[in-house]
Amino acid sequence: MPTATPGRVLLRVAAAGICHTDVHFRASPHPAIPPGTVLGHEIAGTIVERGDGVTSFAVGDQVIVHPVWSCGTCRQCVAGVTNACLSTAGRLSQPPVPGVSVDGGLAEFVAVPATALVAADALDPAFAATLTDAGLVPYHSINAVGDLLRPGSCAVVIGIGGLGQFAVEILRASTVAKVIALDVRQQALDEVRAKVDHTFVSTDDDIAEKVLRAAGGHGADLVLDLVGTTTTLALAGAVVAPYGTIRVPGQGDGTLQFETARTSTTLPRGATISRPYSGTRQDLVDLVALARTGCLTTRITHYGFENALTAFDDLENGRLVGRAVVIMD
């Protein structure tokens, strides 16, 4: 039983999302996380106890948990870039993340810092839990390049799983960009067909040419690669517009060669590529506000806690379109 130490609250978990990161941890032949760590980084619950010094939330509040537990005092946190907290030494390190480096939400109770909480009253807990990762990751990437998504612009989303479905709806709700969806699965494309301008199976012949034509011939101002394999990175480079941007939250172990030759075809001139991580706490607050308008939906498959490992199996074997969420009650 965790305890509400100073600065923390104890949550009774209502719902916890499952994602490919969790599946990867289970499948890894080498310990990728501290042995015995409780998984689950998409957490929605109710506060049942407050530790000393917590005044910003009350017992009984329904909340979700920002998944990057930042220190609040480093230069990045002071600037509001809480997903890039510098509190852990080392260029490749990261702050504590529930379900990764500290205990997460696949349990009846979890203790979390009060500074990571975001109010989620009146939202369905299963849906609210998915906002903390499946919604937050694409929202952060799209929000960061809003200046590129002006009238006449185009955005391409590669990978229409749980994150991709949110990406499509966020683009529709917050930009005027033309939206093109790509996936290897026709079923996934069918989920968003009515919400986008074009869909393509990404393994089609001449797929880059098809996307370029659909984008108006000049390429996409934003390519959001939620897969991150060598194949999808090459496709992103082939369809991004000059001075457009590729954002790659996907962690598919891919490689994109960077070339500086005059005849380089890897990237057009002026194009940028970045590897964003999660999103800021402010991003999550804004995303919740957007969700409250009713313009965001995603397909959710519910599992009881006793069937949590079935959720892992279904996700790992490609049987889900959308997001898996474990319901604790």
Protein backbone atom coordinates (compact mmCIF):
# COMPACT_ATOMS: atom_id res chain seq x y z
CA MET A 1 0.00 0.00 0.00
CA PRO A 2 1.66 3.28 -1.06
CA THR A 3 1.51 6.28 1.25
CA ALA A 4 0.91 9.98 0.69
CA THR A 5 4.26 11.41 1.70
CA PRO A 6 4.77 15.20 1.85
CA GLY A 7 3.92 16.84 -1.46
CA ARG A 8 2.12 13.75 -2.75
CA VAL A 9 -1.41 12.41 -2.87
CA LEU A 10 -2.77 8.89 -2.73
CA LEU A 11 -5.04 8.03 -5.64
CA ARG A 12 -7.60 5.28 -5.85
CA VAL A 13 -7.09 4.28 -9.48
CA ALA A 14 -10.21 4.27 -11.63
CA ALA A 15 -8.62 3.47 -14.99
CA ALA A 16 -5.17 2.80 -16.39
CA GLY A 17 -4.30 2.76 -20.07
CA ILE A 18 -2.07 0.15 -21.71
CA CYS A 19 0.32 1.09 -24.50
CA HIS A 20 3.09 -0.44 -26.58
CA THR A 21 5.68 0.72 -24.04
CA ASP A 22 4.12 -1.62 -21.48
CA VAL A 23 4.06 -4.46 -24.01
CA HIS A 24 7.72 -3.80 -24.80
CA PHE A 25 8.67 -4.00 -21.13
CA ARG A 26 6.92 -7.35 -20.75
CA ALA A 27 8.51 -8.77 -23.89
CA SER A 28 12.06 -7.51 -23.27
CA PRO A 29 14.52 -10.35 -22.53
CA HIS A 30 16.51 -7.94 -20.36
CA PRO A 31 15.04 -5.89 -17.49
CA ALA A 32 14.10 -2.55 -19.01
CA ILE A 33 12.69 -1.23 -15.73
CA PRO A 34 13.51 -1.83 -12.05
CA PRO A 35 12.34 -5.34 -11.06
CA GLY A 36 8.99 -5.28 -9.29
CA THR A 37 7.89 -1.94 -10.75
CA VAL A 38 4.12 -1.60 -11.16
CA LEU A 39 3.38 -0.75 -14.80
CA GLY A 40 0.88 1.83 -16.05
CA HIS A 41 1.67 5.42 -17.05
CA GLU A 42 -1.83 6.45 -18.21
CA ILE A 43 -3.59 7.05 -14.89
CA ALA A 44 -6.99 8.39 -13.90
CA GLY A 45 -8.27 8.26 -10.35
CA THR A 46 -9.71 9.93 -7.26
CA ILE A 47 -7.73 11.51 -4.44
CA VAL A 48 -8.27 9.63 -1.18
CA GLU A 49 -5.47 11.15 0.93
CA ARG A 50 -3.23 14.22 0.81
CA GLY A 51 0.32 14.38 2.10
CA ASP A 52 1.63 17.31 4.09
CA GLY A 53 1.88 20.53 2.12
CA VAL A 54 -0.70 19.63 -0.54
CA THR A 55 -3.28 22.39 -0.81
CA SER A 56 -4.06 22.64 -4.52
CA PHE A 57 -6.34 19.58 -4.64
CA ALA A 58 -8.88 18.07 -2.24
CA VAL A 59 -9.84 14.57 -1.21
CA GLY A 60 -12.51 13.35 -3.65
CA ASP A 61 -11.17 15.25 -6.66
CA GLN A 62 -11.10 13.31 -9.93
CA VAL A 63 -7.73 13.75 -11.61
CA ILE A 64 -5.35 12.42 -14.22
CA VAL A 65 -1.57 12.24 -13.88
CA HIS A 66 0.96 14.01 -16.06
CA PRO A 67 3.40 11.19 -16.89
CA VAL A 68 6.67 13.13 -16.50
CA TRP A 69 7.33 13.95 -12.83
CA SER A 70 9.43 17.07 -13.21
CA CYS A 71 11.39 18.76 -10.43
CA GLY A 72 9.85 22.22 -10.90
CA THR A 73 13.11 24.05 -10.22
CA CYS A 74 15.53 23.40 -13.12
CA ARG A 75 15.72 25.93 -15.95
CA GLN A 76 13.49 23.82 -18.21
CA CYS A 77 10.79 23.40 -15.58
CA VAL A 78 10.88 27.11 -14.67
CA ALA A 79 10.36 27.84 -18.37
CA GLY A 80 7.35 25.50 -18.39
CA VAL A 81 9.04 22.78 -20.46
CA THR A 82 8.28 20.14 -17.85
CA ASN A 83 8.67 17.24 -20.28
CA ALA A 84 12.36 18.19 -20.66
CA CYS A 85 13.17 18.35 -16.93
CA LEU A 86 16.91 18.32 -16.23
CA SER A 87 16.63 16.90 -12.72
CA THR A 88 18.28 13.60 -13.65
CA ALA A 89 21.93 13.83 -14.64
CA GLY A 90 22.99 12.71 -18.11
CA ARG A 91 22.06 13.61 -21.66
CA LEU A 92 20.03 10.43 -22.23
CA SER A 93 18.34 10.28 -18.83
CA GLN A 94 14.83 11.43 -17.97
CA PRO A 95 12.82 12.41 -14.89
CA PRO A 96 10.76 9.80 -13.01
CA VAL A 97 7.91 8.32 -15.06
CA PRO A 98 5.16 6.23 -13.42
CA GLY A 99 5.14 2.68 -14.66
CA VAL A 100 8.70 3.06 -15.95
CA SER A 101 11.08 4.19 -13.21
CA VAL A 102 8.58 4.35 -10.33
CA ASP A 103 5.36 2.46 -9.57
CA GLY A 104 2.51 3.24 -11.93
CA GLY A 105 -1.25 2.93 -12.08
CA LEU A 106 -1.95 -0.76 -12.76
CA ALA A 107 -2.89 -1.21 -9.12
CA GLU A 108 -5.73 -0.24 -6.82
CA PHE A 109 -3.73 2.70 -5.39
CA VAL A 110 -0.80 4.84 -6.49
CA ALA A 111 1.02 7.74 -4.83
CA VAL A 112 1.92 10.65 -7.12
CA PRO A 113 3.27 14.20 -6.75
CA ALA A 114 0.53 16.80 -6.46
CA THR A 115 2.42 18.86 -9.07
CA ALA A 116 1.68 16.14 -11.66
CA LEU A 117 -2.09 16.27 -11.23
CA VAL A 118 -4.57 17.73 -13.71
CA ALA A 119 -8.26 18.06 -12.84
CA ALA A 120 -10.46 15.70 -14.87
CA ASP A 121 -13.85 15.93 -13.18
CA ALA A 122 -16.86 15.09 -15.36
CA LEU A 123 -14.70 13.20 -17.87
CA ASP A 124 -15.10 9.45 -18.23
CA PRO A 125 -12.07 8.00 -16.38
CA ALA A 126 -11.24 5.52 -19.14
CA PHE A 127 -11.17 8.29 -21.73
CA ALA A 128 -9.40 10.70 -19.38
CA ALA A 129 -6.61 8.19 -18.73
CA THR A 130 -5.82 7.96 -22.46
CA LEU A 131 -5.33 11.73 -22.64
CA THR A 132 -2.15 11.48 -20.55
CA ASP A 133 -0.18 9.71 -23.27
CA ALA A 134 -2.19 8.76 -26.36
CA GLY A 135 -3.63 12.27 -26.49
CA LEU A 136 -0.75 14.23 -24.99
CA VAL A 137 1.98 13.01 -27.35
CA PRO A 138 0.30 14.13 -30.59
CA TYR A 139 -1.08 17.28 -28.99
CA HIS A 140 2.41 18.39 -27.95
CA SER A 141 3.84 17.77 -31.43
CA ILE A 142 0.99 19.53 -33.22
CA ASN A 143 0.84 22.47 -30.81
CA ALA A 144 4.58 23.06 -31.16
CA VAL A 145 4.31 23.68 -34.92
CA GLY A 146 0.98 25.47 -35.09
CA ASP A 147 2.56 28.32 -37.05
CA LEU A 148 3.11 25.94 -39.98
CA LEU A 149 -0.50 24.78 -40.12
CA ARG A 150 -1.98 27.86 -41.75
CA PRO A 151 -4.78 27.90 -44.35
CA GLY A 152 -3.66 25.85 -47.35
CA SER A 153 -1.25 23.73 -45.30
CA CYS A 154 -1.15 19.95 -45.09
CA ALA A 155 -0.43 17.47 -42.29
CA VAL A 156 0.37 13.78 -42.76
CA VAL A 157 -0.15 11.31 -39.89
CA ILE A 158 1.73 8.01 -40.18
CA GLY A 159 0.28 5.33 -37.93
CA ILE A 160 -3.42 5.41 -37.04
CA GLY A 161 -3.42 3.55 -33.76
CA GLY A 162 -4.48 5.07 -30.46
CA LEU A 163 -2.15 8.07 -30.86
CA GLY A 164 -2.95 8.49 -34.54
CA GLN A 165 -6.69 8.65 -33.93
CA PHE A 166 -6.13 11.42 -31.41
CA ALA A 167 -3.74 13.18 -33.81
CA VAL A 168 -6.40 13.31 -36.52
CA GLU A 169 -9.01 14.75 -34.15
CA ILE A 170 -6.59 17.28 -32.65
CA LEU A 171 -5.60 18.46 -36.12
CA ARG A 172 -9.25 18.83 -37.08
CA ALA A 173 -10.17 20.64 -33.86
CA SER A 174 -7.22 23.04 -33.65
CA THR A 175 -5.99 23.66 -37.21
CA VAL A 176 -7.29 24.25 -40.73
CA ALA A 177 -4.73 21.96 -42.35
CA LYS A 178 -5.59 19.32 -44.89
CA VAL A 179 -5.11 15.93 -43.17
CA ILE A 180 -3.77 12.76 -44.79
CA ALA A 181 -3.75 9.49 -42.83
CA LEU A 182 -1.41 6.56 -43.51
CA ASP A 183 -1.36 3.08 -42.00
CA VAL A 184 -0.58 -0.47 -43.06
CA ARG A 185 -4.04 -1.58 -41.86
CA GLN A 186 -7.18 -0.79 -43.82
CA GLN A 187 -9.26 -1.22 -40.66
CA ALA A 188 -7.33 1.55 -38.93
CA LEU A 189 -7.85 3.88 -41.88
CA ASP A 190 -11.57 3.10 -41.88
CA GLU A 191 -11.73 4.47 -38.31
CA VAL A 192 -10.74 7.97 -39.46
CA ARG A 193 -11.87 8.04 -43.08
CA ALA A 194 -14.74 10.45 -42.42
CA LYS A 195 -12.44 12.81 -40.48
CA VAL A 196 -9.56 13.23 -42.95
CA ASP A 197 -9.13 14.42 -46.51
CA HIS A 198 -7.26 11.35 -47.79
CA THR A 199 -6.28 7.90 -46.56
CA PHE A 200 -3.63 5.63 -48.02
CA VAL A 201 -2.30 2.20 -47.15
CA SER A 202 1.33 3.04 -46.53
CA THR A 203 2.61 -0.08 -48.30
CA ASP A 204 0.92 0.90 -51.59
CA ASP A 205 3.11 1.16 -54.66
CA ASP A 206 4.31 4.72 -55.30
CA ILE A 207 2.96 5.79 -51.93
CA ALA A 208 5.17 8.89 -51.76
CA GLU A 209 3.89 10.10 -55.13
CA LYS A 210 0.30 9.51 -54.05
CA VAL A 211 0.78 11.51 -50.87
CA LEU A 212 2.53 14.35 -52.69
CA ARG A 213 -0.31 14.62 -55.19
CA ALA A 214 -2.90 14.62 -52.40
CA ALA A 215 -0.92 17.30 -50.58
CA GLY A 216 -1.02 19.57 -53.61
CA GLY A 217 2.34 18.66 -55.11
CA HIS A 218 4.62 20.53 -52.69
CA GLY A 219 4.56 18.13 -49.77
CA ALA A 220 3.32 18.20 -46.19
CA ASP A 221 4.06 21.07 -43.83
CA LEU A 222 3.92 18.58 -40.94
CA VAL A 223 4.63 14.87 -41.04
CA LEU A 224 3.80 13.23 -37.71
CA ASP A 225 5.48 9.81 -37.64
CA LEU A 226 3.95 7.81 -34.82
CA VAL A 227 5.74 4.62 -35.90
CA GLY A 228 9.40 5.56 -36.26
CA THR A 229 10.75 2.68 -38.38
CA THR A 230 13.34 3.12 -41.09
CA THR A 231 10.56 2.68 -43.67
CA THR A 232 8.27 5.32 -42.18
CA LEU A 233 11.15 7.76 -41.68
CA ALA A 234 12.14 7.41 -45.34
CA LEU A 235 8.53 8.02 -46.35
CA ALA A 236 8.35 11.08 -44.10
CA GLY A 237 11.47 12.50 -45.71
CA ALA A 238 10.04 11.85 -49.16
CA VAL A 239 6.78 13.72 -48.55
CA VAL A 240 7.73 16.63 -46.26
CA ALA A 241 7.62 20.06 -47.89
CA PRO A 242 10.59 22.41 -48.14
CA TYR A 243 10.81 24.17 -44.76
CA GLY A 244 8.27 21.73 -43.40
CA THR A 245 8.89 19.59 -40.31
CA ILE A 246 8.92 15.93 -39.37
CA ARG A 247 8.02 15.09 -35.77
CA VAL A 248 8.84 11.53 -34.70
CA PRO A 249 7.33 10.41 -31.37
CA GLY A 250 7.36 6.83 -32.72
CA GLN A 251 9.98 4.55 -31.23
CA GLY A 252 10.31 1.89 -33.92
CA ASP A 253 14.12 1.74 -33.85
CA GLY A 254 14.36 3.37 -37.27
CA THR A 255 17.20 5.30 -38.88
CA LEU A 256 17.09 8.25 -41.29
CA GLN A 257 20.35 9.10 -42.99
CA PHE A 258 21.14 12.80 -43.00
CA GLU A 259 22.78 13.98 -46.22
CA THR A 260 24.28 17.36 -47.03
CA ALA A 261 25.06 16.77 -50.70
CA ARG A 262 23.51 19.18 -53.20
CA THR A 263 21.65 16.25 -54.75
CA SER A 264 20.42 14.83 -51.43
CA THR A 265 16.94 13.29 -51.53
CA THR A 266 16.71 12.48 -47.81
CA LEU A 267 15.20 15.85 -46.88
CA PRO A 268 14.29 18.91 -48.93
CA ARG A 269 15.97 22.19 -48.16
CA GLY A 270 14.85 23.88 -44.97
CA ALA A 271 13.05 20.81 -43.61
CA THR A 272 13.60 19.90 -39.97
CA ILE A 273 13.19 16.69 -38.01
CA SER A 274 12.74 16.34 -34.24
CA ARG A 275 12.27 13.63 -31.64
CA PRO A 276 9.64 15.02 -29.24
CA TYR A 277 8.94 13.43 -25.88
CA SER A 278 5.55 13.29 -24.19
CA GLY A 279 4.24 16.83 -23.56
CA THR A 280 4.28 19.54 -20.93
CA ARG A 281 1.87 19.71 -18.02
CA GLN A 282 0.41 22.83 -19.64
CA ASP A 283 -0.15 20.82 -22.81
CA LEU A 284 -2.14 18.31 -20.77
CA VAL A 285 -4.21 21.05 -19.12
CA ASP A 286 -4.99 22.49 -22.55
CA LEU A 287 -5.79 19.06 -23.95
CA VAL A 288 -8.27 18.40 -21.15
CA ALA A 289 -9.93 21.74 -21.93
CA LEU A 290 -10.18 20.71 -25.58
CA ALA A 291 -11.61 17.33 -24.58
CA ARG A 292 -14.28 19.05 -22.49
CA THR A 293 -15.68 20.62 -25.68
CA GLY A 294 -16.62 17.14 -26.88
CA CYS A 295 -14.59 17.29 -30.08
CA LEU A 296 -12.20 14.46 -29.16
CA THR A 297 -13.11 10.80 -29.22
CA THR A 298 -11.16 7.58 -29.54
CA ARG A 299 -12.05 3.93 -29.67
CA ILE A 300 -11.41 2.35 -26.26
CA THR A 301 -11.54 -1.34 -25.41
CA HIS A 302 -12.26 -1.89 -21.71
CA TYR A 303 -10.71 -4.68 -19.65
CA GLY A 304 -11.34 -5.61 -16.05
CA PHE A 305 -8.26 -5.74 -13.82
CA GLU A 306 -8.46 -9.54 -13.81
CA ASN A 307 -8.09 -9.46 -17.61
CA ALA A 308 -5.22 -6.96 -17.76
CA LEU A 309 -2.81 -9.44 -19.35
CA THR A 310 -5.37 -10.09 -22.09
CA ALA A 311 -5.09 -6.41 -22.93
CA PHE A 312 -1.32 -6.85 -23.28
CA ASP A 313 -1.86 -9.87 -25.55
CA ASP A 314 -4.45 -8.12 -27.72
CA LEU A 315 -2.26 -5.06 -28.17
CA GLU A 316 0.89 -7.07 -28.87
CA ASN A 317 -0.87 -9.21 -31.49
CA GLY A 318 -2.52 -6.33 -33.36
CA ARG A 319 -6.08 -7.15 -32.34
CA LEU A 320 -6.90 -3.61 -31.23
CA VAL A 321 -7.80 -0.47 -33.13
CA GLY A 322 -7.57 2.39 -30.66
CA ARG A 323 -6.61 2.16 -27.00
CA ALA A 324 -6.77 -0.53 -24.31
CA VAL A 325 -7.80 0.62 -20.83
CA VAL A 326 -7.94 -1.42 -17.63
CA ILE A 327 -10.90 -0.50 -15.41
CA MET A 328 -10.11 -0.97 -11.74
CA ASP A 329 -13.65 -0.87 -10.30
